[in-house]
Amino acid sequence: MPKRFTATENAIEKGLENTSPKQGAKLVREWLGEVEKLDLPGAKGLHGDLQKLATELEKDDADPTKIEKLLGKLGPATVKLADRCDDEKVSEKVRALGEALVDSGEESADDHETVGAK
């Protein structure tokens, strides 16, 4: 799982808006494989939302509103899942990922508010 953390952290640090949909789909597909292995409450819902996100990102005409909505759900769900991880190191990484997704969703919402205010 460390490679997945590193690749995802790099994408978040560079800004998710700077990650192509195809690159994002690849990252999400890698996470799907990891989430499938989890036997924790909330893992199935997280898996379903990740699957929807990957499918949307792979479309030639991906809907930014759907992507934003899914990211908005995935952030808090990922943070909750981090609380359920037994491995403290994994929990910290998963929490950081979830918080970054939450922050990304908030920034996107702020961008929409700014555009609407003009």
C-alpha atoms as a PDB file:
ATOM      1  CA  MET A   1       0.000   0.000   0.000  1.00  0.00           C
ATOM      2  CA  PRO A   2       2.874   2.520   0.473  1.00  0.00           C
ATOM      3  CA  LYS A   3       3.181   3.151  -3.290  1.00  0.00           C
ATOM      4  CA  ARG A   4      -0.500   3.988  -3.438  1.00  0.00           C
ATOM      5  CA  PHE A   5      -0.125   6.425  -0.569  1.00  0.00           C
ATOM      6  CA  THR A   6       2.866   8.085  -2.209  1.00  0.00           C
ATOM      7  CA  ALA A   7       1.236   8.422  -5.630  1.00  0.00           C
ATOM      8  CA  THR A   8      -1.971   9.756  -4.101  1.00  0.00           C
ATOM      9  CA  GLU A   9      -0.134  12.138  -1.771  1.00  0.00           C
ATOM     10  CA  ASN A  10       1.869  13.476  -4.729  1.00  0.00           C
ATOM     11  CA  ALA A  11      -1.329  14.084  -6.714  1.00  0.00           C
ATOM     12  CA  ILE A  12      -2.898  15.885  -3.760  1.00  0.00           C
ATOM     13  CA  GLU A  13       0.202  17.988  -3.107  1.00  0.00           C
ATOM     14  CA  LYS A  14       0.319  19.069  -6.763  1.00  0.00           C
ATOM     15  CA  GLY A  15      -3.391  19.819  -6.597  1.00  0.00           C
ATOM     16  CA  LEU A  16      -6.097  17.454  -7.698  1.00  0.00           C
ATOM     17  CA  GLU A  17      -7.128  19.969 -10.342  1.00  0.00           C
ATOM     18  CA  ASN A  18      -3.694  19.411 -11.926  1.00  0.00           C
ATOM     19  CA  THR A  19      -4.231  15.653 -12.133  1.00  0.00           C
ATOM     20  CA  SER A  20      -5.749  14.466 -15.396  1.00  0.00           C
ATOM     21  CA  PRO A  21      -8.964  12.473 -15.192  1.00  0.00           C
ATOM     22  CA  LYS A  22      -7.144   9.419 -16.583  1.00  0.00           C
ATOM     23  CA  GLN A  23      -4.403   9.717 -13.922  1.00  0.00           C
ATOM     24  CA  GLY A  24      -7.083  10.139 -11.273  1.00  0.00           C
ATOM     25  CA  ALA A  25      -8.935   7.063 -12.512  1.00  0.00           C
ATOM     26  CA  LYS A  26      -5.720   5.037 -12.304  1.00  0.00           C
ATOM     27  CA  LEU A  27      -5.176   6.113  -8.681  1.00  0.00           C
ATOM     28  CA  VAL A  28      -8.782   5.342  -7.803  1.00  0.00           C
ATOM     29  CA  ARG A  29      -8.568   1.885  -9.406  1.00  0.00           C
ATOM     30  CA  GLU A  30      -5.481   1.135  -7.298  1.00  0.00           C
ATOM     31  CA  TRP A  31      -7.357   2.180  -4.156  1.00  0.00           C
ATOM     32  CA  LEU A  32     -10.305  -0.009  -5.161  1.00  0.00           C
ATOM     33  CA  GLY A  33      -8.040  -3.029  -4.948  1.00  0.00           C
ATOM     34  CA  GLU A  34      -7.001  -2.080  -1.422  1.00  0.00           C
ATOM     35  CA  VAL A  35     -10.495  -1.255  -0.199  1.00  0.00           C
ATOM     36  CA  GLU A  36     -11.797  -4.600  -1.493  1.00  0.00           C
ATOM     37  CA  LYS A  37      -9.508  -6.308   1.027  1.00  0.00           C
ATOM     38  CA  LEU A  38     -10.919  -4.409   4.001  1.00  0.00           C
ATOM     39  CA  ASP A  39     -13.386  -6.028   6.358  1.00  0.00           C
ATOM     40  CA  LEU A  40     -14.421  -2.880   8.187  1.00  0.00           C
ATOM     41  CA  PRO A  41     -17.747  -1.092   8.588  1.00  0.00           C
ATOM     42  CA  GLY A  42     -18.076   1.494   5.824  1.00  0.00           C
ATOM     43  CA  ALA A  43     -15.657  -0.217   3.437  1.00  0.00           C
ATOM     44  CA  LYS A  44     -18.400  -1.415   1.052  1.00  0.00           C
ATOM     45  CA  GLY A  45     -19.905   2.058   0.734  1.00  0.00           C
ATOM     46  CA  LEU A  46     -16.472   3.571   0.192  1.00  0.00           C
ATOM     47  CA  HIS A  47     -15.759   0.932  -2.452  1.00  0.00           C
ATOM     48  CA  GLY A  48     -18.999   1.728  -4.264  1.00  0.00           C
ATOM     49  CA  ASP A  49     -18.261   5.462  -4.325  1.00  0.00           C
ATOM     50  CA  LEU A  50     -14.694   4.842  -5.500  1.00  0.00           C
ATOM     51  CA  GLN A  51     -16.061   2.650  -8.296  1.00  0.00           C
ATOM     52  CA  LYS A  52     -18.456   5.421  -9.369  1.00  0.00           C
ATOM     53  CA  LEU A  53     -15.620   7.963  -9.273  1.00  0.00           C
ATOM     54  CA  ALA A  54     -13.314   5.797 -11.386  1.00  0.00           C
ATOM     55  CA  THR A  55     -16.072   5.186 -13.929  1.00  0.00           C
ATOM     56  CA  GLU A  56     -16.844   8.910 -14.177  1.00  0.00           C
ATOM     57  CA  LEU A  57     -13.168   9.863 -14.508  1.00  0.00           C
ATOM     58  CA  GLU A  58     -12.702   7.384 -17.331  1.00  0.00           C
ATOM     59  CA  LYS A  59     -15.443   8.964 -19.439  1.00  0.00           C
ATOM     60  CA  ASP A  60     -14.403  11.249 -22.288  1.00  0.00           C
ATOM     61  CA  ASP A  61     -17.059  13.705 -21.122  1.00  0.00           C
ATOM     62  CA  ALA A  62     -16.635  13.351 -17.345  1.00  0.00           C
ATOM     63  CA  ASP A  63     -19.114  15.451 -15.373  1.00  0.00           C
ATOM     64  CA  PRO A  64     -17.218  17.792 -12.993  1.00  0.00           C
ATOM     65  CA  THR A  65     -20.314  18.161 -10.802  1.00  0.00           C
ATOM     66  CA  LYS A  66     -20.600  14.388 -10.302  1.00  0.00           C
ATOM     67  CA  ILE A  67     -16.875  14.150  -9.585  1.00  0.00           C
ATOM     68  CA  GLU A  68     -17.074  16.960  -7.040  1.00  0.00           C
ATOM     69  CA  LYS A  69     -20.080  15.344  -5.352  1.00  0.00           C
ATOM     70  CA  LEU A  70     -18.315  11.980  -5.123  1.00  0.00           C
ATOM     71  CA  LEU A  71     -15.145  13.567  -3.731  1.00  0.00           C
ATOM     72  CA  GLY A  72     -17.327  15.347  -1.179  1.00  0.00           C
ATOM     73  CA  LYS A  73     -18.663  11.987   0.007  1.00  0.00           C
ATOM     74  CA  LEU A  74     -15.329  10.168  -0.171  1.00  0.00           C
ATOM     75  CA  GLY A  75     -13.435  12.598   2.074  1.00  0.00           C
ATOM     76  CA  PRO A  76     -15.534  12.166   5.233  1.00  0.00           C
ATOM     77  CA  ALA A  77     -16.031   8.438   4.548  1.00  0.00           C
ATOM     78  CA  THR A  78     -12.263   7.972   4.270  1.00  0.00           C
ATOM     79  CA  VAL A  79     -11.655   9.833   7.537  1.00  0.00           C
ATOM     80  CA  LYS A  80     -14.229   7.595   9.283  1.00  0.00           C
ATOM     81  CA  LEU A  81     -12.589   4.501   7.842  1.00  0.00           C
ATOM     82  CA  ALA A  82      -9.217   5.666   9.184  1.00  0.00           C
ATOM     83  CA  ASP A  83     -10.677   5.531  12.695  1.00  0.00           C
ATOM     84  CA  ARG A  84     -11.432   1.848  12.173  1.00  0.00           C
ATOM     85  CA  CYS A  85      -7.953   0.789  10.985  1.00  0.00           C
ATOM     86  CA  ASP A  86      -5.969  -1.332  13.421  1.00  0.00           C
ATOM     87  CA  ASP A  87      -2.575  -0.366  12.005  1.00  0.00           C
ATOM     88  CA  GLU A  88      -1.729   3.119  13.322  1.00  0.00           C
ATOM     89  CA  LYS A  89       0.575   3.992  10.411  1.00  0.00           C
ATOM     90  CA  VAL A  90      -2.058   3.013   7.864  1.00  0.00           C
ATOM     91  CA  SER A  91      -4.680   4.886   9.859  1.00  0.00           C
ATOM     92  CA  GLU A  92      -2.602   8.079   9.789  1.00  0.00           C
ATOM     93  CA  LYS A  93      -2.083   7.839   6.017  1.00  0.00           C
ATOM     94  CA  VAL A  94      -5.750   7.091   5.347  1.00  0.00           C
ATOM     95  CA  ARG A  95      -6.793   9.989   7.587  1.00  0.00           C
ATOM     96  CA  ALA A  96      -4.435  12.353   5.743  1.00  0.00           C
ATOM     97  CA  LEU A  97      -5.926  11.208   2.438  1.00  0.00           C
ATOM     98  CA  GLY A  98      -9.465  11.737   3.713  1.00  0.00           C
ATOM     99  CA  GLU A  99      -8.654  15.185   5.077  1.00  0.00           C
ATOM    100  CA  ALA A 100      -7.026  16.155   1.776  1.00  0.00           C
ATOM    101  CA  LEU A 101     -10.161  15.058  -0.071  1.00  0.00           C
ATOM    102  CA  VAL A 102     -12.316  17.069   2.334  1.00  0.00           C
ATOM    103  CA  ASP A 103     -10.078  20.122   1.809  1.00  0.00           C
ATOM    104  CA  SER A 104     -10.217  19.619  -1.952  1.00  0.00           C
ATOM    105  CA  GLY A 105     -14.003  19.531  -1.858  1.00  0.00           C
ATOM    106  CA  GLU A 106     -14.112  22.697   0.242  1.00  0.00           C
ATOM    107  CA  GLU A 107     -11.748  24.507  -2.151  1.00  0.00           C
ATOM    108  CA  SER A 108     -13.877  23.464  -5.088  1.00  0.00           C
ATOM    109  CA  ALA A 109     -17.008  24.722  -3.333  1.00  0.00           C
ATOM    110  CA  ASP A 110     -15.222  28.025  -2.598  1.00  0.00           C
ATOM    111  CA  ASP A 111     -14.305  28.317  -6.287  1.00  0.00           C
ATOM    112  CA  HIS A 112     -17.964  27.893  -7.240  1.00  0.00           C
ATOM    113  CA  GLU A 113     -19.030  30.542  -4.723  1.00  0.00           C
ATOM    114  CA  THR A 114     -16.424  32.957  -6.075  1.00  0.00           C
ATOM    115  CA  VAL A 115     -17.582  32.407  -9.649  1.00  0.00           C
ATOM    116  CA  GLY A 116     -21.204  32.912  -8.648  1.00  0.00           C
ATOM    117  CA  ALA A 117     -20.378  36.111  -6.758  1.00  0.00           C
ATOM    118  CA  LYS A 118     -18.954  37.875  -9.827  1.00  0.00           C
END
